[in-house]
Amino acid sequence: MPRLLAALCAVMLASPAGAATLYYGSRVGMELTIVKKSGIGSTHAGILARHDRRKARVYCEYGHDFTEECIDAEMQAPLHFEITANCKTGEFTTFYGAKMLFQGRNKGTDVTTDYRITAVDEKVVLDGSGASGYDYTLDQFKALCPNRVR
């Protein structure tokens, strides 16, 4: 239990734009360690990340699964370990390989989020719900293009 509390505190204190980790999902432990950043804020921004067995363990323990099988399965999650963005156009990719479009401040739409983000292939605007992945998707864009999100 103390390990879980320490992990939760660390997660809450991390700043997405300057963090050493980035979330790829909404559950505790669904985060990757940043290995390299390049071109941040440019038309060729990129972040390379890797999975960490310790974070996979936190993910499993949070879900009350203390088995090595859970950790192994989480380590094999089908992720893209490089995310990229064109900060000028707002086009970017996520750790799931999804193509997204950041469209700036959300003005006068049915969605109540601060910023408008569209999943390009699905032609769906992220609605801010946990199911849409809005929070961690915005954090990924913010890490790539910190000057676009204020």
C-alpha atoms as a PDB file:
ATOM      1  CA  MET A   1       0.000   0.000   0.000  1.00  0.00           C
ATOM      2  CA  PRO A   2       2.797   2.545   0.745  1.00  0.00           C
ATOM      3  CA  ARG A   3       4.222   1.956  -2.758  1.00  0.00           C
ATOM      4  CA  LEU A   4       0.836   2.688  -4.299  1.00  0.00           C
ATOM      5  CA  LEU A   5       0.445   5.921  -2.322  1.00  0.00           C
ATOM      6  CA  ALA A   6       3.939   7.052  -3.294  1.00  0.00           C
ATOM      7  CA  ALA A   7       3.182   6.344  -6.950  1.00  0.00           C
ATOM      8  CA  LEU A   8      -0.090   8.273  -6.780  1.00  0.00           C
ATOM      9  CA  CYS A   9       1.649  11.279  -5.197  1.00  0.00           C
ATOM     10  CA  ALA A  10       4.341  11.238  -7.872  1.00  0.00           C
ATOM     11  CA  VAL A  11       1.705  11.117 -10.610  1.00  0.00           C
ATOM     12  CA  MET A  12      -0.195  14.084  -9.202  1.00  0.00           C
ATOM     13  CA  LEU A  13       2.967  16.214  -8.932  1.00  0.00           C
ATOM     14  CA  ALA A  14       4.178  15.587 -12.482  1.00  0.00           C
ATOM     15  CA  SER A  15       3.809  18.402 -14.993  1.00  0.00           C
ATOM     16  CA  PRO A  16       2.860  17.057 -18.451  1.00  0.00           C
ATOM     17  CA  ALA A  17       4.960  19.504 -20.472  1.00  0.00           C
ATOM     18  CA  GLY A  18       8.164  18.888 -18.511  1.00  0.00           C
ATOM     19  CA  ALA A  19       7.469  15.440 -17.120  1.00  0.00           C
ATOM     20  CA  ALA A  20       9.835  12.509 -17.262  1.00  0.00           C
ATOM     21  CA  THR A  21       6.793  10.352 -17.994  1.00  0.00           C
ATOM     22  CA  LEU A  22       3.620  10.649 -20.047  1.00  0.00           C
ATOM     23  CA  TYR A  23       0.348   8.813 -19.648  1.00  0.00           C
ATOM     24  CA  TYR A  24      -1.049   6.686 -22.469  1.00  0.00           C
ATOM     25  CA  GLY A  25      -4.231   5.781 -20.586  1.00  0.00           C
ATOM     26  CA  SER A  26      -6.382   6.964 -17.728  1.00  0.00           C
ATOM     27  CA  ARG A  27      -5.520   4.352 -15.093  1.00  0.00           C
ATOM     28  CA  VAL A  28      -2.733   4.623 -12.545  1.00  0.00           C
ATOM     29  CA  GLY A  29       0.485   3.183 -13.970  1.00  0.00           C
ATOM     30  CA  MET A  30      -0.499   3.630 -17.622  1.00  0.00           C
ATOM     31  CA  GLU A  31       2.527   5.793 -18.283  1.00  0.00           C
ATOM     32  CA  LEU A  32       5.695   5.633 -20.300  1.00  0.00           C
ATOM     33  CA  THR A  33       9.139   6.984 -19.481  1.00  0.00           C
ATOM     34  CA  ILE A  34      10.397   9.672 -21.857  1.00  0.00           C
ATOM     35  CA  VAL A  35      13.697   8.673 -23.457  1.00  0.00           C
ATOM     36  CA  LYS A  36      14.222  11.501 -25.948  1.00  0.00           C
ATOM     37  CA  LYS A  37      12.596  14.741 -27.073  1.00  0.00           C
ATOM     38  CA  SER A  38      13.310  16.523 -30.325  1.00  0.00           C
ATOM     39  CA  GLY A  39      11.954  19.602 -32.059  1.00  0.00           C
ATOM     40  CA  ILE A  40       9.515  20.381 -29.241  1.00  0.00           C
ATOM     41  CA  GLY A  41       7.205  23.196 -30.318  1.00  0.00           C
ATOM     42  CA  SER A  42       8.148  22.899 -33.999  1.00  0.00           C
ATOM     43  CA  THR A  43       6.665  21.405 -37.145  1.00  0.00           C
ATOM     44  CA  HIS A  44       8.663  18.214 -36.434  1.00  0.00           C
ATOM     45  CA  ALA A  45       8.167  17.636 -32.701  1.00  0.00           C
ATOM     46  CA  GLY A  46       8.805  14.154 -31.407  1.00  0.00           C
ATOM     47  CA  ILE A  47       8.972  12.236 -28.167  1.00  0.00           C
ATOM     48  CA  LEU A  48      10.387   8.747 -27.837  1.00  0.00           C
ATOM     49  CA  ALA A  49       9.324   6.749 -24.774  1.00  0.00           C
ATOM     50  CA  ARG A  50       9.700   3.277 -23.326  1.00  0.00           C
ATOM     51  CA  HIS A  51       7.655   1.024 -21.102  1.00  0.00           C
ATOM     52  CA  ASP A  52       8.802   0.477 -17.525  1.00  0.00           C
ATOM     53  CA  ARG A  53       8.177  -2.740 -15.611  1.00  0.00           C
ATOM     54  CA  ARG A  54       7.840  -0.821 -12.340  1.00  0.00           C
ATOM     55  CA  LYS A  55       4.990   1.279 -13.744  1.00  0.00           C
ATOM     56  CA  ALA A  56       3.363  -1.842 -15.182  1.00  0.00           C
ATOM     57  CA  ARG A  57       3.482  -3.317 -11.666  1.00  0.00           C
ATOM     58  CA  VAL A  58       1.778  -0.196 -10.258  1.00  0.00           C
ATOM     59  CA  TYR A  59      -0.901  -0.520 -12.944  1.00  0.00           C
ATOM     60  CA  CYS A  60      -1.552  -4.149 -12.009  1.00  0.00           C
ATOM     61  CA  GLU A  61      -1.465  -3.551  -8.252  1.00  0.00           C
ATOM     62  CA  TYR A  62      -3.930  -0.680  -8.612  1.00  0.00           C
ATOM     63  CA  GLY A  63      -6.265  -3.162 -10.300  1.00  0.00           C
ATOM     64  CA  HIS A  64      -5.648  -5.645  -7.452  1.00  0.00           C
ATOM     65  CA  ASP A  65      -3.835  -8.095  -9.701  1.00  0.00           C
ATOM     66  CA  PHE A  66      -0.499  -8.961  -8.119  1.00  0.00           C
ATOM     67  CA  THR A  67       0.585 -11.590 -10.646  1.00  0.00           C
ATOM     68  CA  GLU A  68       3.623 -11.555 -12.905  1.00  0.00           C
ATOM     69  CA  GLU A  69       1.260 -12.491 -15.756  1.00  0.00           C
ATOM     70  CA  CYS A  70      -0.515  -9.150 -15.403  1.00  0.00           C
ATOM     71  CA  ILE A  71       2.786  -7.278 -15.500  1.00  0.00           C
ATOM     72  CA  ASP A  72       3.968  -9.276 -18.529  1.00  0.00           C
ATOM     73  CA  ALA A  73       0.691  -8.578 -20.324  1.00  0.00           C
ATOM     74  CA  GLU A  74       0.909  -4.850 -19.585  1.00  0.00           C
ATOM     75  CA  MET A  75       4.489  -4.763 -20.855  1.00  0.00           C
ATOM     76  CA  GLN A  76       3.185  -6.228 -24.140  1.00  0.00           C
ATOM     77  CA  ALA A  77       0.434  -3.597 -24.583  1.00  0.00           C
ATOM     78  CA  PRO A  78       0.308  -2.662 -28.299  1.00  0.00           C
ATOM     79  CA  LEU A  79       1.710   0.852 -28.135  1.00  0.00           C
ATOM     80  CA  HIS A  80       3.621   3.151 -30.443  1.00  0.00           C
ATOM     81  CA  PHE A  81       6.589   4.395 -28.455  1.00  0.00           C
ATOM     82  CA  GLU A  82       7.096   7.518 -30.538  1.00  0.00           C
ATOM     83  CA  ILE A  83       4.621  10.367 -30.761  1.00  0.00           C
ATOM     84  CA  THR A  84       4.986  13.230 -33.210  1.00  0.00           C
ATOM     85  CA  ALA A  85       3.367  16.569 -33.953  1.00  0.00           C
ATOM     86  CA  ASN A  86       3.297  19.423 -36.373  1.00  0.00           C
ATOM     87  CA  CYS A  87       2.730  22.197 -33.848  1.00  0.00           C
ATOM     88  CA  LYS A  88       1.836  24.679 -36.592  1.00  0.00           C
ATOM     89  CA  THR A  89      -1.054  22.634 -38.049  1.00  0.00           C
ATOM     90  CA  GLY A  90      -1.994  20.842 -34.802  1.00  0.00           C
ATOM     91  CA  GLU A  91      -1.690  17.371 -36.337  1.00  0.00           C
ATOM     92  CA  PHE A  92      -0.235  14.800 -33.937  1.00  0.00           C
ATOM     93  CA  THR A  93      -0.097  11.111 -33.100  1.00  0.00           C
ATOM     94  CA  THR A  94      -0.668   9.344 -29.783  1.00  0.00           C
ATOM     95  CA  PHE A  95       0.960   6.366 -28.091  1.00  0.00           C
ATOM     96  CA  TYR A  96      -1.920   4.285 -29.481  1.00  0.00           C
ATOM     97  CA  GLY A  97      -0.959   5.343 -33.002  1.00  0.00           C
ATOM     98  CA  ALA A  98      -4.094   7.444 -33.435  1.00  0.00           C
ATOM     99  CA  LYS A  99      -3.953  10.503 -35.675  1.00  0.00           C
ATOM    100  CA  MET A 100      -5.327  13.576 -33.922  1.00  0.00           C
ATOM    101  CA  LEU A 101      -5.941  17.216 -34.725  1.00  0.00           C
ATOM    102  CA  PHE A 102      -5.604  19.901 -32.064  1.00  0.00           C
ATOM    103  CA  GLN A 103      -7.890  22.771 -33.088  1.00  0.00           C
ATOM    104  CA  GLY A 104      -7.228  25.278 -30.316  1.00  0.00           C
ATOM    105  CA  ARG A 105      -9.678  26.741 -27.831  1.00  0.00           C
ATOM    106  CA  ASN A 106     -13.120  25.188 -27.934  1.00  0.00           C
ATOM    107  CA  LYS A 107     -15.632  27.871 -28.858  1.00  0.00           C
ATOM    108  CA  GLY A 108     -19.365  27.402 -29.157  1.00  0.00           C
ATOM    109  CA  THR A 109     -19.553  23.641 -29.634  1.00  0.00           C
ATOM    110  CA  ASP A 110     -21.566  20.899 -27.973  1.00  0.00           C
ATOM    111  CA  VAL A 111     -18.395  19.598 -26.315  1.00  0.00           C
ATOM    112  CA  THR A 112     -17.518  21.197 -22.970  1.00  0.00           C
ATOM    113  CA  THR A 113     -13.729  20.774 -23.088  1.00  0.00           C
ATOM    114  CA  ASP A 114     -11.288  23.700 -22.968  1.00  0.00           C
ATOM    115  CA  TYR A 115      -9.674  22.630 -26.245  1.00  0.00           C
ATOM    116  CA  ARG A 116     -11.036  20.923 -29.329  1.00  0.00           C
ATOM    117  CA  ILE A 117      -9.279  17.707 -30.326  1.00  0.00           C
ATOM    118  CA  THR A 118     -10.520  15.522 -33.167  1.00  0.00           C
ATOM    119  CA  ALA A 119      -9.651  11.873 -33.752  1.00  0.00           C
ATOM    120  CA  VAL A 120      -8.949  12.160 -37.480  1.00  0.00           C
ATOM    121  CA  ASP A 121      -9.668   8.603 -38.659  1.00  0.00           C
ATOM    122  CA  GLU A 122     -12.903   8.296 -36.659  1.00  0.00           C
ATOM    123  CA  LYS A 123     -13.908  11.925 -37.350  1.00  0.00           C
ATOM    124  CA  VAL A 124     -14.905  12.236 -33.694  1.00  0.00           C
ATOM    125  CA  VAL A 125     -14.316  15.190 -31.371  1.00  0.00           C
ATOM    126  CA  LEU A 126     -13.032  14.061 -27.961  1.00  0.00           C
ATOM    127  CA  ASP A 127     -15.754  14.972 -25.482  1.00  0.00           C
ATOM    128  CA  GLY A 128     -13.710  15.189 -22.287  1.00  0.00           C
ATOM    129  CA  SER A 129     -15.022  11.951 -20.827  1.00  0.00           C
ATOM    130  CA  GLY A 130     -12.646   9.340 -19.473  1.00  0.00           C
ATOM    131  CA  ALA A 131     -13.723   7.040 -22.283  1.00  0.00           C
ATOM    132  CA  SER A 132     -12.653   9.565 -24.934  1.00  0.00           C
ATOM    133  CA  GLY A 133      -9.110   9.792 -23.551  1.00  0.00           C
ATOM    134  CA  TYR A 134      -9.212  13.572 -23.718  1.00  0.00           C
ATOM    135  CA  ASP A 135      -7.008  14.239 -20.668  1.00  0.00           C
ATOM    136  CA  TYR A 136      -4.032  12.061 -21.563  1.00  0.00           C
ATOM    137  CA  THR A 137      -4.355  12.906 -25.259  1.00  0.00           C
ATOM    138  CA  LEU A 138      -4.195  16.619 -24.437  1.00  0.00           C
ATOM    139  CA  ASP A 139      -1.191  15.975 -22.164  1.00  0.00           C
ATOM    140  CA  GLN A 140       0.625  14.231 -25.018  1.00  0.00           C
ATOM    141  CA  PHE A 141      -0.026  17.188 -27.326  1.00  0.00           C
ATOM    142  CA  LYS A 142       0.992  19.615 -24.561  1.00  0.00           C
ATOM    143  CA  ALA A 143       4.312  17.796 -24.155  1.00  0.00           C
ATOM    144  CA  LEU A 144       4.947  18.049 -27.914  1.00  0.00           C
ATOM    145  CA  CYS A 145       3.633  21.595 -28.416  1.00  0.00           C
ATOM    146  CA  PRO A 146       3.683  23.393 -25.054  1.00  0.00           C
ATOM    147  CA  ASN A 147       3.152  26.872 -26.548  1.00  0.00           C
ATOM    148  CA  ARG A 148      -0.144  25.886 -28.214  1.00  0.00           C
ATOM    149  CA  VAL A 149      -1.879  25.048 -24.916  1.00  0.00           C
ATOM    150  CA  ARG A 150      -2.184  27.917 -22.436  1.00  0.00           C
END
